[in-house]
Amino acid sequence: MTGSREVAVALLHYPVVDRQGAVVTTAVTNLDVHDIARSAHTYGLSKFFVVHPVAAQRELVLRIRTHWVDGSGARRIPDRKPAMEIVRIVSSLDDVMADVGRNAELWATSAAPGGTLDVGHAREALGAAGPPVVILFGTGWGLAPEVHERSAHRLVGIRSPRVDGYNHLSVRAAAAITFDRLLGDSAV
């Protein structure tokens, strides 16, 4: 359950950065749509926004969603349908805000060190009354600086215990870990 506040998630394909730090648009990955939707639904998030400015990419996500909600996928694997029903396809972060509410808080994620909101305080905030929260994940090499600037908080990132510092999770894995840490029944 998500506590007292509505919690949604958005996966941005723009504006995100590439490994050199340039702002780019990335392509949709079918597995991201499936896996993040299933994780989001499992942890009680209200909506999963796939944000892409390119119409052809939004159409691809719509076809994927339709297959699992209304098509043969819904008949063959009905357990996938409820998760895919929370998928929303939009062209911008402004569209996300229009849907969830202009007063929603954006919580950015990043694999980079730092952050303004740790897990304990985030769990506490989600359990208290307040505006909706949209957890933002970026594709490519992460969210563009302009997205971080719009965000109320940046969650403290998932840290690798490895001595060599290797820390390169897929966005699907990072989302699942984040949802569990913020909304799961496990101890903090």
C-alpha atoms as a PDB file:
ATOM      1  CA  MET A   1       0.000   0.000   0.000  1.00  0.00           C
ATOM      2  CA  THR A   2       1.097   3.557  -0.571  1.00  0.00           C
ATOM      3  CA  GLY A   3       0.114   5.034   2.796  1.00  0.00           C
ATOM      4  CA  SER A   4      -1.745   8.329   2.889  1.00  0.00           C
ATOM      5  CA  ARG A   5      -0.515   9.810  -0.359  1.00  0.00           C
ATOM      6  CA  GLU A   6      -1.129   8.892  -3.958  1.00  0.00           C
ATOM      7  CA  VAL A   7       2.122   7.693  -5.509  1.00  0.00           C
ATOM      8  CA  ALA A   8       2.742   7.394  -9.245  1.00  0.00           C
ATOM      9  CA  VAL A   9       5.857   6.761 -11.308  1.00  0.00           C
ATOM     10  CA  ALA A  10       7.107   8.276 -14.546  1.00  0.00           C
ATOM     11  CA  LEU A  11       9.780   6.874 -16.832  1.00  0.00           C
ATOM     12  CA  LEU A  12      11.245   9.714 -18.883  1.00  0.00           C
ATOM     13  CA  HIS A  13      12.820   9.173 -22.289  1.00  0.00           C
ATOM     14  CA  TYR A  14      13.287  12.944 -22.638  1.00  0.00           C
ATOM     15  CA  PRO A  15      14.849  15.057 -21.280  1.00  0.00           C
ATOM     16  CA  VAL A  16      17.570  12.630 -20.243  1.00  0.00           C
ATOM     17  CA  VAL A  17      21.329  12.695 -20.679  1.00  0.00           C
ATOM     18  CA  ASP A  18      23.768  10.484 -22.519  1.00  0.00           C
ATOM     19  CA  ARG A  19      27.141   9.371 -21.155  1.00  0.00           C
ATOM     20  CA  GLN A  20      28.711  12.691 -22.214  1.00  0.00           C
ATOM     21  CA  GLY A  21      26.003  14.684 -20.419  1.00  0.00           C
ATOM     22  CA  ALA A  22      24.203  15.906 -23.564  1.00  0.00           C
ATOM     23  CA  VAL A  23      20.409  16.109 -23.358  1.00  0.00           C
ATOM     24  CA  VAL A  24      18.954  13.405 -25.613  1.00  0.00           C
ATOM     25  CA  THR A  25      15.852  11.349 -26.338  1.00  0.00           C
ATOM     26  CA  THR A  26      16.081   7.581 -25.841  1.00  0.00           C
ATOM     27  CA  ALA A  27      14.063   4.741 -27.352  1.00  0.00           C
ATOM     28  CA  VAL A  28      11.370   2.810 -25.516  1.00  0.00           C
ATOM     29  CA  THR A  29      12.340  -0.624 -24.249  1.00  0.00           C
ATOM     30  CA  ASN A  30       9.533  -3.190 -24.152  1.00  0.00           C
ATOM     31  CA  LEU A  31      10.896  -4.809 -20.974  1.00  0.00           C
ATOM     32  CA  ASP A  32      10.886  -1.469 -19.135  1.00  0.00           C
ATOM     33  CA  VAL A  33       7.175  -1.063 -19.810  1.00  0.00           C
ATOM     34  CA  HIS A  34       6.295  -4.572 -18.607  1.00  0.00           C
ATOM     35  CA  ASP A  35       8.583  -4.794 -15.612  1.00  0.00           C
ATOM     36  CA  ILE A  36       8.025  -1.325 -14.195  1.00  0.00           C
ATOM     37  CA  ALA A  37       4.252  -1.675 -14.627  1.00  0.00           C
ATOM     38  CA  ARG A  38       4.282  -4.982 -12.759  1.00  0.00           C
ATOM     39  CA  SER A  39       6.460  -3.603  -9.960  1.00  0.00           C
ATOM     40  CA  ALA A  40       4.419  -0.398  -9.693  1.00  0.00           C
ATOM     41  CA  HIS A  41       1.146  -2.320  -9.506  1.00  0.00           C
ATOM     42  CA  THR A  42       2.588  -4.746  -6.941  1.00  0.00           C
ATOM     43  CA  TYR A  43       3.517  -1.847  -4.637  1.00  0.00           C
ATOM     44  CA  GLY A  44       0.208  -0.021  -5.081  1.00  0.00           C
ATOM     45  CA  LEU A  45       1.270   2.892  -7.273  1.00  0.00           C
ATOM     46  CA  SER A  46      -1.690   4.528  -8.964  1.00  0.00           C
ATOM     47  CA  LYS A  47      -0.206   5.151 -12.417  1.00  0.00           C
ATOM     48  CA  PHE A  48       2.884   4.444 -14.492  1.00  0.00           C
ATOM     49  CA  PHE A  49       3.602   7.169 -17.036  1.00  0.00           C
ATOM     50  CA  VAL A  50       5.802   6.415 -20.015  1.00  0.00           C
ATOM     51  CA  VAL A  51       6.977   9.834 -21.180  1.00  0.00           C
ATOM     52  CA  HIS A  52       8.144  10.164 -24.779  1.00  0.00           C
ATOM     53  CA  PRO A  53       8.004  13.164 -27.143  1.00  0.00           C
ATOM     54  CA  VAL A  54       8.024  11.067 -30.338  1.00  0.00           C
ATOM     55  CA  ALA A  55       4.586   9.970 -31.543  1.00  0.00           C
ATOM     56  CA  ALA A  56       5.855   6.706 -33.076  1.00  0.00           C
ATOM     57  CA  GLN A  57       7.368   5.669 -29.732  1.00  0.00           C
ATOM     58  CA  ARG A  58       4.147   6.512 -27.878  1.00  0.00           C
ATOM     59  CA  GLU A  59       2.239   4.429 -30.441  1.00  0.00           C
ATOM     60  CA  LEU A  60       4.570   1.503 -29.729  1.00  0.00           C
ATOM     61  CA  VAL A  61       3.789   1.712 -26.003  1.00  0.00           C
ATOM     62  CA  LEU A  62       0.080   1.974 -26.774  1.00  0.00           C
ATOM     63  CA  ARG A  63       0.284  -1.212 -28.889  1.00  0.00           C
ATOM     64  CA  ILE A  64       2.083  -3.009 -26.055  1.00  0.00           C
ATOM     65  CA  ARG A  65      -0.505  -1.830 -23.518  1.00  0.00           C
ATOM     66  CA  THR A  66      -3.444  -2.702 -25.775  1.00  0.00           C
ATOM     67  CA  HIS A  67      -2.095  -6.220 -26.384  1.00  0.00           C
ATOM     68  CA  TRP A  68      -2.016  -6.928 -22.639  1.00  0.00           C
ATOM     69  CA  VAL A  69      -5.199  -5.059 -21.663  1.00  0.00           C
ATOM     70  CA  ASP A  70      -7.568  -5.811 -24.575  1.00  0.00           C
ATOM     71  CA  GLY A  71      -5.762  -8.222 -26.888  1.00  0.00           C
ATOM     72  CA  SER A  72      -4.671 -11.823 -26.907  1.00  0.00           C
ATOM     73  CA  GLY A  73      -2.146 -11.185 -24.140  1.00  0.00           C
ATOM     74  CA  ALA A  74      -4.998 -10.353 -21.754  1.00  0.00           C
ATOM     75  CA  ARG A  75      -6.606 -13.709 -22.529  1.00  0.00           C
ATOM     76  CA  ARG A  76      -3.412 -15.770 -22.401  1.00  0.00           C
ATOM     77  CA  ILE A  77      -1.872 -14.183 -19.281  1.00  0.00           C
ATOM     78  CA  PRO A  78      -4.640 -12.390 -17.405  1.00  0.00           C
ATOM     79  CA  ASP A  79      -2.341 -11.582 -14.460  1.00  0.00           C
ATOM     80  CA  ARG A  80      -0.517  -9.065 -16.662  1.00  0.00           C
ATOM     81  CA  LYS A  81      -3.679  -7.044 -17.410  1.00  0.00           C
ATOM     82  CA  PRO A  82      -4.099  -5.179 -14.072  1.00  0.00           C
ATOM     83  CA  ALA A  83      -0.480  -4.041 -14.146  1.00  0.00           C
ATOM     84  CA  MET A  84      -0.672  -2.850 -17.744  1.00  0.00           C
ATOM     85  CA  GLU A  85      -3.926  -0.982 -17.046  1.00  0.00           C
ATOM     86  CA  ILE A  86      -2.011   1.564 -14.932  1.00  0.00           C
ATOM     87  CA  VAL A  87       0.244   2.481 -17.892  1.00  0.00           C
ATOM     88  CA  ARG A  88      -0.322   6.001 -19.230  1.00  0.00           C
ATOM     89  CA  ILE A  89       1.421   7.217 -22.374  1.00  0.00           C
ATOM     90  CA  VAL A  90       2.235  10.929 -22.492  1.00  0.00           C
ATOM     91  CA  SER A  91       4.527  13.245 -24.413  1.00  0.00           C
ATOM     92  CA  SER A  92       5.973  15.350 -21.584  1.00  0.00           C
ATOM     93  CA  LEU A  93       6.431  15.793 -17.874  1.00  0.00           C
ATOM     94  CA  ASP A  94       3.872  18.619 -18.091  1.00  0.00           C
ATOM     95  CA  ASP A  95       1.327  16.015 -19.254  1.00  0.00           C
ATOM     96  CA  VAL A  96       2.130  13.923 -16.171  1.00  0.00           C
ATOM     97  CA  MET A  97       1.496  16.945 -13.941  1.00  0.00           C
ATOM     98  CA  ALA A  98      -1.767  17.726 -15.729  1.00  0.00           C
ATOM     99  CA  ASP A  99      -2.960  14.176 -15.032  1.00  0.00           C
ATOM    100  CA  VAL A 100      -1.793  13.762 -11.431  1.00  0.00           C
ATOM    101  CA  GLY A 101      -2.295  17.382 -10.367  1.00  0.00           C
ATOM    102  CA  ARG A 102      -0.245  20.545 -10.532  1.00  0.00           C
ATOM    103  CA  ASN A 103       0.356  20.344  -6.788  1.00  0.00           C
ATOM    104  CA  ALA A 104       2.056  16.932  -7.077  1.00  0.00           C
ATOM    105  CA  GLU A 105       5.590  16.630  -5.735  1.00  0.00           C
ATOM    106  CA  LEU A 106       8.218  15.334  -8.145  1.00  0.00           C
ATOM    107  CA  TRP A 107      10.803  13.070  -6.560  1.00  0.00           C
ATOM    108  CA  ALA A 108      13.761  12.543  -8.895  1.00  0.00           C
ATOM    109  CA  THR A 109      16.036   9.524  -8.795  1.00  0.00           C
ATOM    110  CA  SER A 110      19.688   9.238  -9.702  1.00  0.00           C
ATOM    111  CA  ALA A 111      22.488   6.716  -9.488  1.00  0.00           C
ATOM    112  CA  ALA A 112      24.898   9.585  -8.762  1.00  0.00           C
ATOM    113  CA  PRO A 113      25.965  10.236  -5.179  1.00  0.00           C
ATOM    114  CA  GLY A 114      23.939  12.721  -3.197  1.00  0.00           C
ATOM    115  CA  GLY A 115      20.254  13.328  -2.759  1.00  0.00           C
ATOM    116  CA  THR A 116      18.029  15.376  -0.501  1.00  0.00           C
ATOM    117  CA  LEU A 117      15.658  12.684   0.741  1.00  0.00           C
ATOM    118  CA  ASP A 118      16.735   9.406   2.309  1.00  0.00           C
ATOM    119  CA  VAL A 119      14.596   6.281   2.478  1.00  0.00           C
ATOM    120  CA  GLY A 120      13.510   6.735   6.087  1.00  0.00           C
ATOM    121  CA  HIS A 121      12.293  10.289   5.589  1.00  0.00           C
ATOM    122  CA  ALA A 122      10.683   9.382   2.261  1.00  0.00           C
ATOM    123  CA  ARG A 123       8.708   6.517   3.850  1.00  0.00           C
ATOM    124  CA  GLU A 124       7.618   8.862   6.629  1.00  0.00           C
ATOM    125  CA  ALA A 125       6.515  11.515   4.102  1.00  0.00           C
ATOM    126  CA  LEU A 126       4.538   8.972   2.083  1.00  0.00           C
ATOM    127  CA  GLY A 127       2.708   7.850   5.228  1.00  0.00           C
ATOM    128  CA  ALA A 128       1.622  11.390   6.062  1.00  0.00           C
ATOM    129  CA  ALA A 129      -1.095  13.446   4.410  1.00  0.00           C
ATOM    130  CA  GLY A 130       0.078  15.522   1.491  1.00  0.00           C
ATOM    131  CA  PRO A 131      -0.052  16.063  -2.241  1.00  0.00           C
ATOM    132  CA  PRO A 132       0.461  13.227  -4.713  1.00  0.00           C
ATOM    133  CA  VAL A 133       4.052  12.129  -5.364  1.00  0.00           C
ATOM    134  CA  VAL A 134       5.469  11.208  -8.755  1.00  0.00           C
ATOM    135  CA  ILE A 135       8.733   9.257  -8.619  1.00  0.00           C
ATOM    136  CA  LEU A 136      10.798  10.081 -11.698  1.00  0.00           C
ATOM    137  CA  PHE A 137      13.196   7.668 -13.373  1.00  0.00           C
ATOM    138  CA  GLY A 138      15.334   8.495 -16.369  1.00  0.00           C
ATOM    139  CA  THR A 139      16.532   6.337 -19.203  1.00  0.00           C
ATOM    140  CA  GLY A 140      19.924   6.719 -20.876  1.00  0.00           C
ATOM    141  CA  TRP A 141      22.350   8.025 -18.275  1.00  0.00           C
ATOM    142  CA  GLY A 142      19.676   9.638 -16.137  1.00  0.00           C
ATOM    143  CA  LEU A 143      17.391  12.606 -15.821  1.00  0.00           C
ATOM    144  CA  ALA A 144      18.465  15.918 -17.349  1.00  0.00           C
ATOM    145  CA  PRO A 145      19.390  18.778 -14.980  1.00  0.00           C
ATOM    146  CA  GLU A 146      16.154  20.613 -15.825  1.00  0.00           C
ATOM    147  CA  VAL A 147      14.140  17.695 -14.415  1.00  0.00           C
ATOM    148  CA  HIS A 148      16.152  17.743 -11.181  1.00  0.00           C
ATOM    149  CA  GLU A 149      15.530  21.496 -10.944  1.00  0.00           C
ATOM    150  CA  ARG A 150      11.748  20.925 -11.186  1.00  0.00           C
ATOM    151  CA  SER A 151      11.807  18.241  -8.507  1.00  0.00           C
ATOM    152  CA  ALA A 152      10.944  18.836  -4.858  1.00  0.00           C
ATOM    153  CA  HIS A 153      13.455  16.163  -3.837  1.00  0.00           C
ATOM    154  CA  ARG A 154      16.104  13.876  -5.192  1.00  0.00           C
ATOM    155  CA  LEU A 155      16.013  10.485  -3.528  1.00  0.00           C
ATOM    156  CA  VAL A 156      19.300   9.233  -2.143  1.00  0.00           C
ATOM    157  CA  GLY A 157      20.483   6.734  -4.743  1.00  0.00           C
ATOM    158  CA  ILE A 158      20.863   2.990  -4.483  1.00  0.00           C
ATOM    159  CA  ARG A 159      24.465   2.319  -3.507  1.00  0.00           C
ATOM    160  CA  SER A 160      26.434  -0.748  -4.479  1.00  0.00           C
ATOM    161  CA  PRO A 161      28.276  -2.549  -1.685  1.00  0.00           C
ATOM    162  CA  ARG A 162      31.052  -3.449  -4.115  1.00  0.00           C
ATOM    163  CA  VAL A 163      34.571  -2.344  -3.220  1.00  0.00           C
ATOM    164  CA  ASP A 164      35.237  -1.338  -6.831  1.00  0.00           C
ATOM    165  CA  GLY A 165      32.170   0.950  -6.839  1.00  0.00           C
ATOM    166  CA  TYR A 166      30.398  -0.765  -9.738  1.00  0.00           C
ATOM    167  CA  ASN A 167      26.830   0.570  -9.718  1.00  0.00           C
ATOM    168  CA  HIS A 168      24.956   0.191 -13.002  1.00  0.00           C
ATOM    169  CA  LEU A 169      21.464  -1.189 -12.457  1.00  0.00           C
ATOM    170  CA  SER A 170      18.855  -1.327 -15.179  1.00  0.00           C
ATOM    171  CA  VAL A 171      16.083   1.211 -14.671  1.00  0.00           C
ATOM    172  CA  ARG A 172      13.720  -1.753 -14.183  1.00  0.00           C
ATOM    173  CA  ALA A 173      15.777  -3.072 -11.283  1.00  0.00           C
ATOM    174  CA  ALA A 174      16.265   0.388  -9.768  1.00  0.00           C
ATOM    175  CA  ALA A 175      12.514   1.027  -9.888  1.00  0.00           C
ATOM    176  CA  ALA A 176      11.699  -2.280  -8.177  1.00  0.00           C
ATOM    177  CA  ILE A 177      14.283  -1.687  -5.442  1.00  0.00           C
ATOM    178  CA  THR A 178      13.056   1.876  -4.925  1.00  0.00           C
ATOM    179  CA  PHE A 179       9.406   0.811  -4.676  1.00  0.00           C
ATOM    180  CA  ASP A 180      10.292  -1.868  -2.143  1.00  0.00           C
ATOM    181  CA  ARG A 181      12.370   0.495  -0.042  1.00  0.00           C
ATOM    182  CA  LEU A 182       9.716   3.223  -0.047  1.00  0.00           C
ATOM    183  CA  LEU A 183       6.507   1.179   0.031  1.00  0.00           C
ATOM    184  CA  GLY A 184       7.364  -2.379   0.979  1.00  0.00           C
ATOM    185  CA  ASP A 185       6.690  -4.114   4.270  1.00  0.00           C
ATOM    186  CA  SER A 186      10.381  -4.794   4.889  1.00  0.00           C
ATOM    187  CA  ALA A 187      12.270  -2.934   7.581  1.00  0.00           C
ATOM    188  CA  VAL A 188      14.151   0.195   6.540  1.00  0.00           C
END
